[in-house]
């Protein structure tokens, strides 16, 4: 069942910016915020993303990555 969310204490400047964004694409503020919430919910949290990437195996080693980066960067300046 759909839920209703109420957001309080939004500064006038922030609301005006949200209103401008909504108007620019021809939708209402509630519709803009609904779309943004859906977009936000579709993305994993940082923790979820890190967990997924930790489980992924790679055929490329750390040493190979460093070697390619060194080639791209070129010689290190003498320090």
C-alpha atoms as a PDB file:
ATOM      1  CA  UNK A   1       0.000   0.000   0.000  1.00  0.00           C
ATOM      2  CA  UNK A   2       1.419   3.435  -0.931  1.00  0.00           C
ATOM      3  CA  UNK A   3       2.633   5.629   1.901  1.00  0.00           C
ATOM      4  CA  UNK A   4       2.535   9.395   2.359  1.00  0.00           C
ATOM      5  CA  UNK A   5       5.622  11.240   3.566  1.00  0.00           C
ATOM      6  CA  UNK A   6       5.650  14.756   4.956  1.00  0.00           C
ATOM      7  CA  UNK A   7       8.852  16.800   5.014  1.00  0.00           C
ATOM      8  CA  UNK A   8       9.044  19.652   7.492  1.00  0.00           C
ATOM      9  CA  UNK A   9      11.382  22.570   8.082  1.00  0.00           C
ATOM     10  CA  UNK A  10      12.502  23.102   4.488  1.00  0.00           C
ATOM     11  CA  UNK A  11      14.159  26.510   4.105  1.00  0.00           C
ATOM     12  CA  UNK A  12      12.437  28.907   1.729  1.00  0.00           C
ATOM     13  CA  UNK A  13      15.496  29.051  -0.527  1.00  0.00           C
ATOM     14  CA  UNK A  14      15.610  25.263  -0.779  1.00  0.00           C
ATOM     15  CA  UNK A  15      11.905  25.021  -1.547  1.00  0.00           C
ATOM     16  CA  UNK A  16      12.228  27.733  -4.189  1.00  0.00           C
ATOM     17  CA  UNK A  17      15.070  25.800  -5.858  1.00  0.00           C
ATOM     18  CA  UNK A  18      13.029  22.580  -5.806  1.00  0.00           C
ATOM     19  CA  UNK A  19      10.051  24.476  -7.230  1.00  0.00           C
ATOM     20  CA  UNK A  20      12.239  25.879 -10.049  1.00  0.00           C
ATOM     21  CA  UNK A  21      13.545  22.400 -10.886  1.00  0.00           C
ATOM     22  CA  UNK A  22      10.036  20.970 -10.979  1.00  0.00           C
ATOM     23  CA  UNK A  23       8.713  23.827 -13.101  1.00  0.00           C
ATOM     24  CA  UNK A  24      11.615  23.494 -15.539  1.00  0.00           C
ATOM     25  CA  UNK A  25      10.586  19.938 -16.351  1.00  0.00           C
ATOM     26  CA  UNK A  26       6.861  20.597 -16.160  1.00  0.00           C
ATOM     27  CA  UNK A  27       5.932  18.672 -13.034  1.00  0.00           C
ATOM     28  CA  UNK A  28       4.765  19.488  -9.504  1.00  0.00           C
ATOM     29  CA  UNK A  29       7.023  19.633  -6.469  1.00  0.00           C
ATOM     30  CA  UNK A  30       5.443  16.488  -4.965  1.00  0.00           C
ATOM     31  CA  UNK A  31       5.996  14.612  -8.249  1.00  0.00           C
ATOM     32  CA  UNK A  32       9.630  15.751  -8.404  1.00  0.00           C
ATOM     33  CA  UNK A  33      10.213  14.619  -4.827  1.00  0.00           C
ATOM     34  CA  UNK A  34       8.429  11.296  -5.475  1.00  0.00           C
ATOM     35  CA  UNK A  35      10.717  10.650  -8.440  1.00  0.00           C
ATOM     36  CA  UNK A  36      13.798  11.568  -6.416  1.00  0.00           C
ATOM     37  CA  UNK A  37      12.793   9.223  -3.581  1.00  0.00           C
ATOM     38  CA  UNK A  38      12.283   6.391  -6.080  1.00  0.00           C
ATOM     39  CA  UNK A  39      15.700   7.117  -7.626  1.00  0.00           C
ATOM     40  CA  UNK A  40      17.341   7.237  -4.202  1.00  0.00           C
ATOM     41  CA  UNK A  41      15.734   3.957  -3.118  1.00  0.00           C
ATOM     42  CA  UNK A  42      16.950   2.235  -6.290  1.00  0.00           C
ATOM     43  CA  UNK A  43      20.601   2.812  -5.389  1.00  0.00           C
ATOM     44  CA  UNK A  44      22.372   0.593  -2.870  1.00  0.00           C
ATOM     45  CA  UNK A  45      23.808   2.069   0.288  1.00  0.00           C
ATOM     46  CA  UNK A  46      27.595   2.439   0.411  1.00  0.00           C
ATOM     47  CA  UNK A  47      27.749  -0.600   2.679  1.00  0.00           C
ATOM     48  CA  UNK A  48      25.660  -2.695   0.266  1.00  0.00           C
ATOM     49  CA  UNK A  49      27.785  -1.611  -2.686  1.00  0.00           C
ATOM     50  CA  UNK A  50      31.030  -2.393  -0.869  1.00  0.00           C
ATOM     51  CA  UNK A  51      29.736  -5.818   0.139  1.00  0.00           C
ATOM     52  CA  UNK A  52      28.824  -6.623  -3.470  1.00  0.00           C
ATOM     53  CA  UNK A  53      32.174  -5.465  -4.808  1.00  0.00           C
ATOM     54  CA  UNK A  54      34.104  -7.410  -2.168  1.00  0.00           C
ATOM     55  CA  UNK A  55      32.477 -10.643  -3.350  1.00  0.00           C
ATOM     56  CA  UNK A  56      33.431 -10.030  -6.979  1.00  0.00           C
ATOM     57  CA  UNK A  57      36.486 -11.887  -8.171  1.00  0.00           C
ATOM     58  CA  UNK A  58      38.816 -10.254 -10.665  1.00  0.00           C
ATOM     59  CA  UNK A  59      41.285 -11.746 -13.103  1.00  0.00           C
ATOM     60  CA  UNK A  60      43.372  -8.569 -12.806  1.00  0.00           C
ATOM     61  CA  UNK A  61      45.866  -8.404  -9.964  1.00  0.00           C
ATOM     62  CA  UNK A  62      46.762  -5.348  -7.910  1.00  0.00           C
ATOM     63  CA  UNK A  63      50.270  -5.519  -9.335  1.00  0.00           C
ATOM     64  CA  UNK A  64      48.888  -5.353 -12.898  1.00  0.00           C
ATOM     65  CA  UNK A  65      46.797  -2.317 -12.028  1.00  0.00           C
ATOM     66  CA  UNK A  66      49.792  -0.545 -10.495  1.00  0.00           C
ATOM     67  CA  UNK A  67      51.913  -1.382 -13.537  1.00  0.00           C
ATOM     68  CA  UNK A  68      49.366   0.100 -15.953  1.00  0.00           C
ATOM     69  CA  UNK A  69      48.911   3.199 -13.790  1.00  0.00           C
ATOM     70  CA  UNK A  70      52.685   3.703 -13.694  1.00  0.00           C
ATOM     71  CA  UNK A  71      52.792   3.434 -17.492  1.00  0.00           C
ATOM     72  CA  UNK A  72      50.001   5.996 -17.861  1.00  0.00           C
ATOM     73  CA  UNK A  73      51.528   8.422 -15.364  1.00  0.00           C
ATOM     74  CA  UNK A  74      55.009   8.239 -16.828  1.00  0.00           C
ATOM     75  CA  UNK A  75      58.216   8.805 -14.923  1.00  0.00           C
ATOM     76  CA  UNK A  76      58.027  10.120 -11.373  1.00  0.00           C
ATOM     77  CA  UNK A  77      59.880  13.399 -10.917  1.00  0.00           C
ATOM     78  CA  UNK A  78      63.092  13.235  -8.895  1.00  0.00           C
ATOM     79  CA  UNK A  79      62.362  14.304  -5.388  1.00  0.00           C
END
